[in-house]
Amino acid sequence: MGPLRRGLILALLPAPAMADVCEQLRPMWSPDKGTVNIWTEAAYVFANPMLFVMLLIVLMGSFYRHIAWQMAGIISASFVLLLVSTRLWAKDSDGIWALGQAEGCIAPPIVPTVFAAGVMLFALIRAVRRIRNRRKT
């Protein structure tokens, strides 16, 4: 096997070419940690401090009776759902998410999206129940 053929075969391996994609998507991820599955993807997604603050606002909005807290909770829940589920509905024009999934540094955000949808339903149901209870009294 000549050096040209060996170089072409090594150029087709995914390690050095796609490593740049994972450095952009997940800078702290390394191939030594293994591929990311849907459960570790949920841990990566909800480790974002902004999403954690939004979830706290949703909890405060669902437990305090003031309408401003309830509206802040509903708006925060909708933003959590929007930010978490972006990779499910947005167009991947560059193909960067597909390359990241092929290398194993990202996974489909199915679990975080289902959780965020549940939080959104929880916030809406709590707000509707509180509004109905205020009208009855």
Protein backbone atom coordinates (compact mmCIF):
# COMPACT_ATOMS: atom_id res chain seq x y z
CA MET A 1 0.00 0.00 0.00
CA GLY A 2 1.52 3.27 -1.12
CA PRO A 3 1.58 6.51 0.83
CA LEU A 4 -0.95 8.13 -1.51
CA ARG A 5 -3.55 5.42 -0.99
CA ARG A 6 -2.88 5.36 2.76
CA GLY A 7 -3.32 9.16 2.92
CA LEU A 8 -6.60 8.98 1.02
CA ILE A 9 -7.94 6.26 3.31
CA LEU A 10 -6.93 8.22 6.41
CA ALA A 11 -8.53 11.37 4.97
CA LEU A 12 -11.90 9.58 4.81
CA LEU A 13 -11.90 8.80 8.54
CA PRO A 14 -14.25 11.12 10.47
CA ALA A 15 -12.04 12.00 13.46
CA PRO A 16 -9.98 15.01 12.39
CA ALA A 17 -12.41 16.47 9.85
CA MET A 18 -15.49 16.54 12.08
CA ALA A 19 -13.73 17.46 15.30
CA ASP A 20 -14.10 21.10 14.34
CA VAL A 21 -17.89 20.76 14.31
CA CYS A 22 -18.02 19.42 17.85
CA GLU A 23 -15.69 22.16 19.05
CA GLN A 24 -18.29 24.66 17.87
CA LEU A 25 -21.35 22.82 19.20
CA ARG A 26 -19.99 21.45 22.49
CA PRO A 27 -16.61 22.90 23.44
CA MET A 28 -16.29 20.86 26.65
CA TRP A 29 -17.14 17.53 24.97
CA SER A 30 -14.39 15.08 24.08
CA PRO A 31 -14.61 11.76 22.21
CA ASP A 32 -13.24 10.03 25.31
CA LYS A 33 -16.56 10.66 27.07
CA GLY A 34 -18.39 8.58 24.46
CA THR A 35 -21.31 9.44 22.27
CA VAL A 36 -24.13 11.57 23.60
CA ASN A 37 -27.49 9.83 23.97
CA ILE A 38 -30.91 11.41 24.58
CA TRP A 39 -30.47 11.33 28.38
CA THR A 40 -27.09 13.04 28.45
CA GLU A 41 -28.42 15.51 25.88
CA ALA A 42 -31.08 16.48 28.43
CA ALA A 43 -28.35 17.04 31.03
CA TYR A 44 -26.38 19.20 28.60
CA VAL A 45 -29.45 21.24 27.64
CA PHE A 46 -30.72 21.92 31.14
CA ALA A 47 -27.24 22.76 32.43
CA ASN A 48 -27.72 26.10 30.68
CA PRO A 49 -28.13 28.74 33.43
CA MET A 50 -30.58 30.80 31.38
CA LEU A 51 -32.98 27.85 31.05
CA PHE A 52 -32.65 27.16 34.77
CA VAL A 53 -33.64 30.75 35.59
CA MET A 54 -36.59 30.51 33.23
CA LEU A 55 -37.75 27.30 34.91
CA LEU A 56 -37.55 29.07 38.28
CA ILE A 57 -39.72 31.87 36.89
CA VAL A 58 -42.23 29.26 35.69
CA LEU A 59 -42.37 27.75 39.19
CA MET A 60 -42.81 31.15 40.83
CA GLY A 61 -45.50 32.03 38.29
CA SER A 62 -47.42 28.87 38.98
CA PHE A 63 -47.37 29.22 42.77
CA TYR A 64 -47.89 32.97 43.28
CA ARG A 65 -51.37 34.31 42.62
CA HIS A 66 -50.45 37.65 41.11
CA ILE A 67 -51.24 37.85 37.38
CA ALA A 68 -47.82 39.34 36.59
CA TRP A 69 -46.07 36.26 37.99
CA GLN A 70 -48.43 33.98 36.08
CA MET A 71 -47.82 35.81 32.80
CA ALA A 72 -44.06 35.80 33.40
CA GLY A 73 -44.27 32.04 34.03
CA ILE A 74 -46.22 31.39 30.83
CA ILE A 75 -43.87 33.54 28.76
CA SER A 76 -40.82 31.85 30.30
CA ALA A 77 -42.28 28.41 29.67
CA SER A 78 -42.89 29.27 26.03
CA PHE A 79 -39.30 30.48 25.64
CA VAL A 80 -37.98 27.31 27.30
CA LEU A 81 -39.97 25.22 24.84
CA LEU A 82 -38.78 27.36 21.92
CA LEU A 83 -35.11 27.22 22.89
CA VAL A 84 -35.06 23.52 23.70
CA SER A 85 -36.92 22.31 20.61
CA THR A 86 -35.15 24.46 18.03
CA ARG A 87 -33.17 21.57 16.58
CA LEU A 88 -36.39 19.59 15.97
CA TRP A 89 -38.15 22.15 13.80
CA ALA A 90 -35.48 24.55 12.52
CA LYS A 91 -33.90 24.07 9.11
CA ASP A 92 -30.33 22.81 9.28
CA SER A 93 -29.06 24.70 6.24
CA ASP A 94 -25.35 24.25 7.04
CA GLY A 95 -25.72 20.62 8.08
CA ILE A 96 -23.81 21.30 11.30
CA TRP A 97 -26.34 19.50 13.52
CA ALA A 98 -26.28 16.46 11.24
CA LEU A 99 -22.48 16.39 11.36
CA GLY A 100 -22.54 16.76 15.15
CA GLN A 101 -24.96 13.84 15.43
CA ALA A 102 -22.80 11.75 13.10
CA GLU A 103 -19.77 12.33 15.30
CA GLY A 104 -21.71 11.77 18.50
CA CYS A 105 -21.35 15.08 20.31
CA ILE A 106 -25.08 15.93 20.12
CA ALA A 107 -28.27 13.88 20.15
CA PRO A 108 -31.86 14.72 19.22
CA PRO A 109 -33.42 16.84 22.00
CA ILE A 110 -36.46 14.61 22.46
CA VAL A 111 -36.41 14.32 26.26
CA PRO A 112 -35.84 18.07 26.91
CA THR A 113 -38.60 18.95 24.43
CA VAL A 114 -41.11 16.62 26.08
CA PHE A 115 -40.15 18.01 29.49
CA ALA A 116 -40.46 21.62 28.28
CA ALA A 117 -43.85 20.87 26.71
CA GLY A 118 -44.99 19.41 30.03
CA VAL A 119 -43.79 22.50 31.88
CA MET A 120 -45.64 24.68 29.37
CA LEU A 121 -48.88 22.71 29.87
CA PHE A 122 -48.41 22.87 33.63
CA ALA A 123 -48.04 26.67 33.57
CA LEU A 124 -51.04 27.13 31.30
CA ILE A 125 -53.31 24.82 33.30
CA ARG A 126 -52.35 26.50 36.59
CA ALA A 127 -53.04 29.96 35.14
CA VAL A 128 -56.41 28.94 33.67
CA ARG A 129 -57.50 27.34 36.95
CA ARG A 130 -56.55 30.44 38.92
CA ILE A 131 -58.40 32.73 36.51
CA ARG A 132 -61.52 30.53 36.72
CA ASN A 133 -61.37 30.46 40.52
CA ARG A 134 -61.16 34.27 40.65
CA ARG A 135 -64.27 34.63 38.48
CA LYS A 136 -66.30 32.27 40.68
CA THR A 137 -65.63 34.25 43.85
